[in-house]
Amino acid sequence: MPGWTQILLVVILVFLLFGRNKFSSFMGDFAKGINVFKKEMKDVHEDNEQVTLEQDRTSDPVKHLADETKQAIKLKP
């Protein structure tokens, strides 16, 4: 596992190689990508909840077989 000094050295080298403008624009693009990802995840979650609610509304009523069985047993001679 790299230590803090090694990580700092790599960051400084990246800064020197790419320059301040490219590095800051890269970080800005990275942050925008994270925000878009979070927004899409939220939209997918909301869509799933909406589909679940629609399925609950359109599902068939539950048929209670136990009640019918009890009635059938009572009717037998």
N, C-alpha and C. Protein backbone atom coordinates (compact mmCIF):
# COMPACT_ATOMS: atom_id res chain seq x y z
N MET A 1 0.86 -1.17 0.00
CA MET A 1 0.00 0.00 0.00
C MET A 1 0.90 1.23 0.00
N PRO A 2 0.68 2.15 -0.94
CA PRO A 2 1.54 3.33 -1.02
C PRO A 2 1.31 4.27 0.16
N GLY A 3 2.40 4.88 0.58
CA GLY A 3 2.32 5.86 1.66
C GLY A 3 1.89 7.22 1.14
N TRP A 4 1.67 8.14 2.07
CA TRP A 4 1.22 9.49 1.69
C TRP A 4 2.28 10.23 0.88
N THR A 5 3.54 9.99 1.18
CA THR A 5 4.59 10.69 0.42
C THR A 5 4.63 10.21 -1.03
N GLN A 6 4.39 8.92 -1.24
CA GLN A 6 4.37 8.39 -2.60
C GLN A 6 3.17 8.94 -3.38
N ILE A 7 2.03 9.02 -2.74
CA ILE A 7 0.85 9.58 -3.39
C ILE A 7 1.08 11.04 -3.73
N LEU A 8 1.66 11.79 -2.82
CA LEU A 8 1.95 13.21 -3.06
C LEU A 8 2.92 13.37 -4.23
N LEU A 9 3.92 12.52 -4.30
CA LEU A 9 4.88 12.57 -5.39
C LEU A 9 4.20 12.30 -6.74
N VAL A 10 3.31 11.33 -6.79
CA VAL A 10 2.59 11.03 -8.03
C VAL A 10 1.71 12.21 -8.43
N VAL A 11 1.03 12.84 -7.48
CA VAL A 11 0.18 13.99 -7.78
C VAL A 11 1.02 15.14 -8.33
N ILE A 12 2.18 15.37 -7.76
CA ILE A 12 3.06 16.45 -8.24
C ILE A 12 3.54 16.14 -9.66
N LEU A 13 3.91 14.89 -9.92
CA LEU A 13 4.35 14.52 -11.27
C LEU A 13 3.22 14.69 -12.29
N VAL A 14 2.01 14.32 -11.93
CA VAL A 14 0.87 14.50 -12.84
C VAL A 14 0.65 15.98 -13.10
N PHE A 15 0.77 16.77 -12.05
CA PHE A 15 0.62 18.23 -12.17
C PHE A 15 1.65 18.80 -13.14
N LEU A 16 2.89 18.33 -13.03
CA LEU A 16 3.96 18.83 -13.89
C LEU A 16 3.79 18.36 -15.34
N LEU A 17 3.36 17.12 -15.53
CA LEU A 17 3.21 16.58 -16.87
C LEU A 17 2.04 17.20 -17.63
N PHE A 18 0.93 17.34 -16.99
CA PHE A 18 -0.27 17.79 -17.68
C PHE A 18 -0.55 19.27 -17.52
N GLY A 19 0.07 19.89 -16.59
CA GLY A 19 -0.16 21.32 -16.37
C GLY A 19 -1.42 21.56 -15.56
N ARG A 20 -1.52 22.78 -15.07
CA ARG A 20 -2.62 23.12 -14.17
C ARG A 20 -3.95 23.15 -14.91
N ASN A 21 -3.99 23.71 -16.11
CA ASN A 21 -5.25 23.85 -16.84
C ASN A 21 -5.85 22.50 -17.22
N LYS A 22 -5.03 21.61 -17.74
CA LYS A 22 -5.55 20.30 -18.14
C LYS A 22 -6.00 19.51 -16.92
N PHE A 23 -5.24 19.61 -15.85
CA PHE A 23 -5.58 18.87 -14.64
C PHE A 23 -6.89 19.37 -14.05
N SER A 24 -7.07 20.69 -13.99
CA SER A 24 -8.30 21.24 -13.41
C SER A 24 -9.50 20.95 -14.32
N SER A 25 -9.30 20.98 -15.64
CA SER A 25 -10.42 20.65 -16.53
C SER A 25 -10.77 19.17 -16.42
N PHE A 26 -9.75 18.33 -16.23
CA PHE A 26 -10.01 16.90 -16.04
C PHE A 26 -10.82 16.67 -14.77
N MET A 27 -10.44 17.34 -13.70
CA MET A 27 -11.15 17.17 -12.43
C MET A 27 -12.58 17.71 -12.54
N GLY A 28 -12.77 18.80 -13.28
CA GLY A 28 -14.11 19.34 -13.50
C GLY A 28 -14.99 18.36 -14.27
N ASP A 29 -14.41 17.76 -15.32
CA ASP A 29 -15.15 16.77 -16.10
C ASP A 29 -15.47 15.53 -15.25
N PHE A 30 -14.54 15.15 -14.41
CA PHE A 30 -14.75 14.01 -13.52
C PHE A 30 -15.90 14.28 -12.56
N ALA A 31 -15.94 15.48 -12.00
CA ALA A 31 -17.02 15.86 -11.07
C ALA A 31 -18.37 15.89 -11.79
N LYS A 32 -18.39 16.40 -13.02
CA LYS A 32 -19.63 16.42 -13.80
C LYS A 32 -20.12 15.00 -14.07
N GLY A 33 -19.19 14.12 -14.36
CA GLY A 33 -19.54 12.72 -14.60
C GLY A 33 -20.15 12.07 -13.37
N ILE A 34 -19.59 12.36 -12.22
CA ILE A 34 -20.14 11.82 -10.98
C ILE A 34 -21.55 12.35 -10.74
N ASN A 35 -21.76 13.64 -10.98
CA ASN A 35 -23.09 14.23 -10.78
C ASN A 35 -24.11 13.63 -11.73
N VAL A 36 -23.72 13.42 -12.99
CA VAL A 36 -24.63 12.80 -13.96
C VAL A 36 -24.96 11.37 -13.53
N PHE A 37 -23.96 10.64 -13.06
CA PHE A 37 -24.17 9.27 -12.61
C PHE A 37 -25.16 9.23 -11.44
N LYS A 38 -24.99 10.11 -10.47
CA LYS A 38 -25.90 10.16 -9.32
C LYS A 38 -27.31 10.50 -9.76
N LYS A 39 -27.45 11.44 -10.69
CA LYS A 39 -28.78 11.84 -11.18
C LYS A 39 -29.46 10.66 -11.88
N GLU A 40 -28.71 9.94 -12.72
CA GLU A 40 -29.29 8.80 -13.42
C GLU A 40 -29.67 7.69 -12.45
N MET A 41 -28.86 7.46 -11.43
CA MET A 41 -29.21 6.44 -10.44
C MET A 41 -30.49 6.82 -9.71
N LYS A 42 -30.65 8.10 -9.40
CA LYS A 42 -31.86 8.57 -8.73
C LYS A 42 -33.07 8.39 -9.65
N ASP A 43 -32.91 8.71 -10.94
CA ASP A 43 -34.00 8.55 -11.90
C ASP A 43 -34.40 7.08 -12.05
N VAL A 44 -33.42 6.20 -12.10
CA VAL A 44 -33.71 4.77 -12.22
C VAL A 44 -34.47 4.29 -10.99
N HIS A 45 -34.04 4.74 -9.81
CA HIS A 45 -34.70 4.34 -8.56
C HIS A 45 -36.15 4.82 -8.56
N GLU A 46 -36.38 6.06 -8.98
CA GLU A 46 -37.75 6.60 -9.02
C GLU A 46 -38.59 5.87 -10.05
N ASP A 47 -38.01 5.51 -11.20
CA ASP A 47 -38.74 4.76 -12.21
C ASP A 47 -39.14 3.38 -11.69
N ASN A 48 -38.24 2.73 -10.97
CA ASN A 48 -38.54 1.42 -10.40
C ASN A 48 -39.68 1.51 -9.40
N GLU A 49 -39.68 2.55 -8.57
CA GLU A 49 -40.76 2.73 -7.60
C GLU A 49 -42.09 2.96 -8.32
N GLN A 50 -42.07 3.74 -9.40
CA GLN A 50 -43.29 4.03 -10.14
C GLN A 50 -43.83 2.75 -10.79
N VAL A 51 -42.95 1.94 -11.37
CA VAL A 51 -43.38 0.69 -11.99
C VAL A 51 -43.97 -0.24 -10.93
N THR A 52 -43.36 -0.30 -9.76
CA THR A 52 -43.86 -1.14 -8.69
C THR A 52 -45.25 -0.69 -8.26
N LEU A 53 -45.45 0.62 -8.12
CA LEU A 53 -46.76 1.13 -7.74
C LEU A 53 -47.80 0.81 -8.80
N GLU A 54 -47.44 0.94 -10.07
CA GLU A 54 -48.37 0.62 -11.15
C GLU A 54 -48.72 -0.86 -11.16
N GLN A 55 -47.75 -1.71 -10.89
CA GLN A 55 -48.01 -3.15 -10.85
C GLN A 55 -48.92 -3.49 -9.68
N ASP A 56 -48.74 -2.82 -8.55
CA ASP A 56 -49.59 -3.07 -7.40
C ASP A 56 -51.03 -2.67 -7.70
N ARG A 57 -51.21 -1.59 -8.42
CA ARG A 57 -52.56 -1.12 -8.74
C ARG A 57 -53.26 -2.04 -9.75
N THR A 58 -52.50 -2.62 -10.66
CA THR A 58 -53.10 -3.41 -11.73
C THR A 58 -53.10 -4.90 -11.43
N SER A 59 -52.64 -5.32 -10.28
CA SER A 59 -52.60 -6.75 -9.99
C SER A 59 -54.00 -7.28 -9.70
N ASP A 60 -54.19 -8.56 -9.97
CA ASP A 60 -55.48 -9.20 -9.75
C ASP A 60 -55.74 -9.34 -8.25
N PRO A 61 -57.00 -9.31 -7.86
CA PRO A 61 -57.29 -9.49 -6.44
C PRO A 61 -56.92 -10.91 -6.00
N VAL A 62 -56.57 -11.05 -4.76
CA VAL A 62 -56.15 -12.34 -4.23
C VAL A 62 -57.37 -13.21 -3.99
N LYS A 63 -57.30 -14.44 -4.43
CA LYS A 63 -58.40 -15.38 -4.23
C LYS A 63 -58.05 -16.25 -3.02
N HIS A 64 -58.89 -16.24 -2.03
CA HIS A 64 -58.64 -16.98 -0.79
C HIS A 64 -59.23 -18.38 -0.91
N LEU A 65 -58.39 -19.33 -1.19
CA LEU A 65 -58.84 -20.71 -1.37
C LEU A 65 -59.23 -21.35 -0.05
N ALA A 66 -58.66 -20.89 1.04
CA ALA A 66 -58.98 -21.48 2.34
C ALA A 66 -60.45 -21.24 2.68
N ASP A 67 -60.96 -20.05 2.37
CA ASP A 67 -62.37 -19.75 2.64
C ASP A 67 -63.28 -20.64 1.79
N GLU A 68 -62.93 -20.84 0.53
CA GLU A 68 -63.74 -21.69 -0.34
C GLU A 68 -63.70 -23.14 0.13
N THR A 69 -62.56 -23.59 0.60
CA THR A 69 -62.43 -24.96 1.08
C THR A 69 -63.30 -25.18 2.32
N LYS A 70 -63.30 -24.21 3.23
CA LYS A 70 -64.13 -24.32 4.42
C LYS A 70 -65.60 -24.39 4.05
N GLN A 71 -66.01 -23.58 3.09
CA GLN A 71 -67.41 -23.58 2.66
C GLN A 71 -67.76 -24.91 1.98
N ALA A 72 -66.85 -25.45 1.20
CA ALA A 72 -67.10 -26.72 0.51
C ALA A 72 -67.21 -27.86 1.52
N ILE A 73 -66.41 -27.82 2.57
CA ILE A 73 -66.46 -28.86 3.59
C ILE A 73 -67.79 -28.79 4.33
N LYS A 74 -68.27 -27.59 4.61
CA LYS A 74 -69.55 -27.43 5.31
C LYS A 74 -70.71 -27.92 4.46
N LEU A 75 -70.63 -27.81 3.15
CA LEU A 75 -71.72 -28.20 2.27
C LEU A 75 -71.79 -29.70 2.04
N LYS A 76 -70.72 -30.44 2.27
CA LYS A 76 -70.72 -31.88 2.05
C LYS A 76 -71.65 -32.55 3.06
N PRO A 77 -72.40 -33.56 2.59
CA PRO A 77 -73.33 -34.24 3.52
C PRO A 77 -72.65 -35.22 4.43
